[in-house]
């Protein structure tokens, strides 16, 4: 929010999440967890700090759903669309992805690709378990981008 109490302009960001395709029992377990209100959520962390608070900018949650119509199977993978609503236009470049699961079943997260003008790819290759197995903290993943900074030297 700005100091006047109005929200800065925001937009929806979309990511494609690749997970290892699961068996019918695992998918049913995920659907049951979602039905009971347990969710898997993701958020993005900007490379920039909020100029007012000096804290990292964190996006609103995007929710990963195995039971929605946003999933399609491709070979041995499932590709699921996750939408991050109301990301501020001044968010900056994402420098990290936070993943938090409240499902009892684990799943294998292969990758997340943020569909921006220049796609940002997070290679995860990790089993995601309920956050209680991780001290109630989200898992953190970093993008596979290399940033080249130009340095100028004064003579």
C-alpha atoms as a PDB file:
ATOM      1  CA  UNK A   1       0.000   0.000   0.000  1.00  0.00           C
ATOM      2  CA  UNK A   2       1.096   3.514  -0.607  1.00  0.00           C
ATOM      3  CA  UNK A   3       1.107   6.100   2.173  1.00  0.00           C
ATOM      4  CA  UNK A   4      -2.306   7.348   1.019  1.00  0.00           C
ATOM      5  CA  UNK A   5      -3.771   3.871   1.598  1.00  0.00           C
ATOM      6  CA  UNK A   6      -4.315   2.954  -2.052  1.00  0.00           C
ATOM      7  CA  UNK A   7      -2.766  -0.125  -3.609  1.00  0.00           C
ATOM      8  CA  UNK A   8      -0.008   0.313  -6.154  1.00  0.00           C
ATOM      9  CA  UNK A   9      -0.894  -1.092  -9.542  1.00  0.00           C
ATOM     10  CA  UNK A  10      -0.626  -4.856  -9.576  1.00  0.00           C
ATOM     11  CA  UNK A  11      -0.682  -7.635 -12.136  1.00  0.00           C
ATOM     12  CA  UNK A  12      -1.046 -11.403 -12.223  1.00  0.00           C
ATOM     13  CA  UNK A  13       2.096 -13.446 -12.818  1.00  0.00           C
ATOM     14  CA  UNK A  14       1.886 -17.029 -14.081  1.00  0.00           C
ATOM     15  CA  UNK A  15       4.283 -19.925 -13.554  1.00  0.00           C
ATOM     16  CA  UNK A  16       4.443 -23.441 -14.955  1.00  0.00           C
ATOM     17  CA  UNK A  17       5.296 -25.997 -12.292  1.00  0.00           C
ATOM     18  CA  UNK A  18       6.739 -29.369 -13.301  1.00  0.00           C
ATOM     19  CA  UNK A  19       6.237 -32.239 -10.861  1.00  0.00           C
ATOM     20  CA  UNK A  20       6.897 -35.938 -11.205  1.00  0.00           C
ATOM     21  CA  UNK A  21       3.664 -37.652 -12.250  1.00  0.00           C
ATOM     22  CA  UNK A  22       2.161 -39.519  -9.330  1.00  0.00           C
ATOM     23  CA  UNK A  23       0.079 -42.636  -8.984  1.00  0.00           C
ATOM     24  CA  UNK A  24      -3.683 -42.596  -8.470  1.00  0.00           C
ATOM     25  CA  UNK A  25      -3.320 -43.051  -4.689  1.00  0.00           C
ATOM     26  CA  UNK A  26      -1.003 -40.040  -4.346  1.00  0.00           C
ATOM     27  CA  UNK A  27      -3.217 -37.808  -6.483  1.00  0.00           C
ATOM     28  CA  UNK A  28      -6.263 -38.875  -4.447  1.00  0.00           C
ATOM     29  CA  UNK A  29      -4.374 -38.062  -1.235  1.00  0.00           C
ATOM     30  CA  UNK A  30      -3.474 -34.585  -2.542  1.00  0.00           C
ATOM     31  CA  UNK A  31      -7.097 -33.984  -3.564  1.00  0.00           C
ATOM     32  CA  UNK A  32      -8.304 -35.058  -0.114  1.00  0.00           C
ATOM     33  CA  UNK A  33      -5.796 -32.714   1.557  1.00  0.00           C
ATOM     34  CA  UNK A  34      -7.034 -29.837  -0.617  1.00  0.00           C
ATOM     35  CA  UNK A  35     -10.651 -30.710   0.171  1.00  0.00           C
ATOM     36  CA  UNK A  36      -9.810 -30.559   3.888  1.00  0.00           C
ATOM     37  CA  UNK A  37      -8.242 -27.132   3.464  1.00  0.00           C
ATOM     38  CA  UNK A  38      -4.543 -28.034   3.375  1.00  0.00           C
ATOM     39  CA  UNK A  39      -2.759 -26.173   0.622  1.00  0.00           C
ATOM     40  CA  UNK A  40       0.575 -25.955  -1.127  1.00  0.00           C
ATOM     41  CA  UNK A  41       1.607 -22.385  -1.604  1.00  0.00           C
ATOM     42  CA  UNK A  42       4.408 -20.535  -3.315  1.00  0.00           C
ATOM     43  CA  UNK A  43       5.629 -16.969  -3.186  1.00  0.00           C
ATOM     44  CA  UNK A  44       8.344 -15.022  -4.946  1.00  0.00           C
ATOM     45  CA  UNK A  45      11.041 -12.941  -3.273  1.00  0.00           C
ATOM     46  CA  UNK A  46      12.325  -9.924  -5.162  1.00  0.00           C
ATOM     47  CA  UNK A  47      15.993  -9.083  -5.606  1.00  0.00           C
ATOM     48  CA  UNK A  48      15.021  -5.587  -4.476  1.00  0.00           C
ATOM     49  CA  UNK A  49      14.150  -4.293  -1.015  1.00  0.00           C
ATOM     50  CA  UNK A  50      11.028  -2.281  -0.327  1.00  0.00           C
ATOM     51  CA  UNK A  51      12.315   1.323  -0.171  1.00  0.00           C
ATOM     52  CA  UNK A  52       9.952   2.198   2.701  1.00  0.00           C
ATOM     53  CA  UNK A  53      10.431  -0.806   4.996  1.00  0.00           C
ATOM     54  CA  UNK A  54      13.894  -1.974   3.841  1.00  0.00           C
ATOM     55  CA  UNK A  55      12.462  -5.535   3.939  1.00  0.00           C
ATOM     56  CA  UNK A  56      12.474  -7.975   0.995  1.00  0.00           C
ATOM     57  CA  UNK A  57       9.506  -7.642  -1.344  1.00  0.00           C
ATOM     58  CA  UNK A  58       7.445 -10.848  -1.218  1.00  0.00           C
ATOM     59  CA  UNK A  59       4.652 -11.603  -3.678  1.00  0.00           C
ATOM     60  CA  UNK A  60       1.174 -12.742  -2.689  1.00  0.00           C
ATOM     61  CA  UNK A  61       0.807 -16.533  -2.559  1.00  0.00           C
ATOM     62  CA  UNK A  62       0.208 -18.639  -5.625  1.00  0.00           C
ATOM     63  CA  UNK A  63      -1.446 -21.987  -4.886  1.00  0.00           C
ATOM     64  CA  UNK A  64      -0.408 -25.320  -6.388  1.00  0.00           C
ATOM     65  CA  UNK A  65      -3.406 -27.582  -6.934  1.00  0.00           C
ATOM     66  CA  UNK A  66      -3.334 -31.177  -8.122  1.00  0.00           C
ATOM     67  CA  UNK A  67      -7.124 -31.236  -8.467  1.00  0.00           C
ATOM     68  CA  UNK A  68      -7.730 -28.101 -10.515  1.00  0.00           C
ATOM     69  CA  UNK A  69      -8.135 -27.873 -14.257  1.00  0.00           C
ATOM     70  CA  UNK A  70      -4.737 -26.180 -14.468  1.00  0.00           C
ATOM     71  CA  UNK A  71      -2.766 -29.455 -14.769  1.00  0.00           C
ATOM     72  CA  UNK A  72      -1.790 -31.560 -17.756  1.00  0.00           C
ATOM     73  CA  UNK A  73       0.303 -34.691 -18.011  1.00  0.00           C
ATOM     74  CA  UNK A  74       3.352 -34.662 -20.299  1.00  0.00           C
ATOM     75  CA  UNK A  75       5.267 -37.954 -20.308  1.00  0.00           C
ATOM     76  CA  UNK A  76       6.348 -38.777 -16.758  1.00  0.00           C
ATOM     77  CA  UNK A  77       5.593 -35.231 -15.557  1.00  0.00           C
ATOM     78  CA  UNK A  78       2.570 -33.186 -14.633  1.00  0.00           C
ATOM     79  CA  UNK A  79       2.640 -29.518 -15.590  1.00  0.00           C
ATOM     80  CA  UNK A  80       0.547 -27.319 -13.326  1.00  0.00           C
ATOM     81  CA  UNK A  81      -0.206 -23.634 -13.788  1.00  0.00           C
ATOM     82  CA  UNK A  82       0.171 -21.459 -10.702  1.00  0.00           C
ATOM     83  CA  UNK A  83      -1.040 -17.853 -10.671  1.00  0.00           C
ATOM     84  CA  UNK A  84       0.468 -15.200  -8.416  1.00  0.00           C
ATOM     85  CA  UNK A  85      -2.268 -12.548  -8.136  1.00  0.00           C
ATOM     86  CA  UNK A  86      -1.718  -8.866  -7.385  1.00  0.00           C
ATOM     87  CA  UNK A  87       2.065  -8.725  -7.805  1.00  0.00           C
ATOM     88  CA  UNK A  88       3.044  -5.070  -7.544  1.00  0.00           C
ATOM     89  CA  UNK A  89       4.388  -3.574 -10.762  1.00  0.00           C
ATOM     90  CA  UNK A  90       7.449  -2.326  -8.875  1.00  0.00           C
ATOM     91  CA  UNK A  91       8.191  -5.829  -7.538  1.00  0.00           C
ATOM     92  CA  UNK A  92      11.437  -6.164  -9.497  1.00  0.00           C
ATOM     93  CA  UNK A  93      13.187  -9.350 -10.592  1.00  0.00           C
ATOM     94  CA  UNK A  94      12.421 -12.479  -8.563  1.00  0.00           C
ATOM     95  CA  UNK A  95      15.544 -13.782  -6.847  1.00  0.00           C
ATOM     96  CA  UNK A  96      14.046 -16.670  -4.890  1.00  0.00           C
ATOM     97  CA  UNK A  97      11.002 -18.940  -4.743  1.00  0.00           C
ATOM     98  CA  UNK A  98       9.472 -20.041  -1.422  1.00  0.00           C
ATOM     99  CA  UNK A  99       7.502 -23.320  -1.407  1.00  0.00           C
ATOM    100  CA  UNK A 100       5.391 -24.349   1.559  1.00  0.00           C
ATOM    101  CA  UNK A 101       3.382 -27.584   1.651  1.00  0.00           C
ATOM    102  CA  UNK A 102       0.661 -28.457   4.138  1.00  0.00           C
ATOM    103  CA  UNK A 103      -0.106 -31.803   2.459  1.00  0.00           C
ATOM    104  CA  UNK A 104       0.770 -35.014   4.252  1.00  0.00           C
ATOM    105  CA  UNK A 105       1.963 -36.624   1.001  1.00  0.00           C
ATOM    106  CA  UNK A 106       5.296 -35.588  -0.421  1.00  0.00           C
ATOM    107  CA  UNK A 107       5.820 -34.822  -4.095  1.00  0.00           C
ATOM    108  CA  UNK A 108       8.829 -34.340  -6.354  1.00  0.00           C
ATOM    109  CA  UNK A 109       9.174 -30.774  -7.597  1.00  0.00           C
ATOM    110  CA  UNK A 110      11.254 -30.751 -10.780  1.00  0.00           C
ATOM    111  CA  UNK A 111      11.131 -27.105 -11.810  1.00  0.00           C
ATOM    112  CA  UNK A 112       9.181 -23.864 -11.799  1.00  0.00           C
ATOM    113  CA  UNK A 113       9.277 -21.467 -14.750  1.00  0.00           C
ATOM    114  CA  UNK A 114       7.936 -17.977 -14.255  1.00  0.00           C
ATOM    115  CA  UNK A 115       6.371 -16.910 -17.554  1.00  0.00           C
ATOM    116  CA  UNK A 116       7.675 -13.337 -17.780  1.00  0.00           C
ATOM    117  CA  UNK A 117       9.022 -11.442 -20.813  1.00  0.00           C
ATOM    118  CA  UNK A 118      12.290 -13.267 -20.146  1.00  0.00           C
ATOM    119  CA  UNK A 119      11.262 -16.558 -18.472  1.00  0.00           C
ATOM    120  CA  UNK A 120      12.839 -17.191 -15.082  1.00  0.00           C
ATOM    121  CA  UNK A 121      13.611 -20.865 -14.414  1.00  0.00           C
ATOM    122  CA  UNK A 122      13.973 -22.407 -10.961  1.00  0.00           C
ATOM    123  CA  UNK A 123      15.484 -25.924 -11.212  1.00  0.00           C
ATOM    124  CA  UNK A 124      14.311 -27.528  -7.967  1.00  0.00           C
ATOM    125  CA  UNK A 125      14.814 -31.318  -8.285  1.00  0.00           C
ATOM    126  CA  UNK A 126      13.658 -31.831  -4.721  1.00  0.00           C
ATOM    127  CA  UNK A 127      11.141 -33.772  -2.672  1.00  0.00           C
ATOM    128  CA  UNK A 128       8.683 -31.424  -0.985  1.00  0.00           C
ATOM    129  CA  UNK A 129       7.248 -32.654   2.306  1.00  0.00           C
ATOM    130  CA  UNK A 130       4.872 -31.124   4.827  1.00  0.00           C
ATOM    131  CA  UNK A 131       6.452 -27.966   6.247  1.00  0.00           C
ATOM    132  CA  UNK A 132       6.378 -29.443   9.769  1.00  0.00           C
ATOM    133  CA  UNK A 133       9.290 -31.667   8.608  1.00  0.00           C
ATOM    134  CA  UNK A 134      11.249 -28.496   7.782  1.00  0.00           C
ATOM    135  CA  UNK A 135      10.867 -26.633  11.108  1.00  0.00           C
ATOM    136  CA  UNK A 136       7.677 -25.025   9.700  1.00  0.00           C
ATOM    137  CA  UNK A 137       9.750 -23.043   7.226  1.00  0.00           C
ATOM    138  CA  UNK A 138       9.269 -22.873   3.475  1.00  0.00           C
ATOM    139  CA  UNK A 139      11.759 -24.462   1.097  1.00  0.00           C
ATOM    140  CA  UNK A 140      13.830 -21.898  -0.800  1.00  0.00           C
ATOM    141  CA  UNK A 141      14.906 -22.215  -4.436  1.00  0.00           C
ATOM    142  CA  UNK A 142      16.977 -19.850  -6.550  1.00  0.00           C
ATOM    143  CA  UNK A 143      16.761 -19.212 -10.310  1.00  0.00           C
ATOM    144  CA  UNK A 144      19.158 -20.680 -12.844  1.00  0.00           C
ATOM    145  CA  UNK A 145      20.001 -17.232 -14.222  1.00  0.00           C
ATOM    146  CA  UNK A 146      23.464 -15.732 -14.225  1.00  0.00           C
ATOM    147  CA  UNK A 147      23.547 -11.973 -13.752  1.00  0.00           C
ATOM    148  CA  UNK A 148      26.425 -10.118 -15.306  1.00  0.00           C
ATOM    149  CA  UNK A 149      27.154  -6.797 -13.729  1.00  0.00           C
ATOM    150  CA  UNK A 150      29.202  -4.223 -15.580  1.00  0.00           C
ATOM    151  CA  UNK A 151      31.810  -2.572 -13.470  1.00  0.00           C
ATOM    152  CA  UNK A 152      33.347   0.734 -14.370  1.00  0.00           C
ATOM    153  CA  UNK A 153      36.664   1.870 -13.027  1.00  0.00           C
ATOM    154  CA  UNK A 154      37.646   5.477 -12.731  1.00  0.00           C
ATOM    155  CA  UNK A 155      41.071   6.263 -14.150  1.00  0.00           C
END
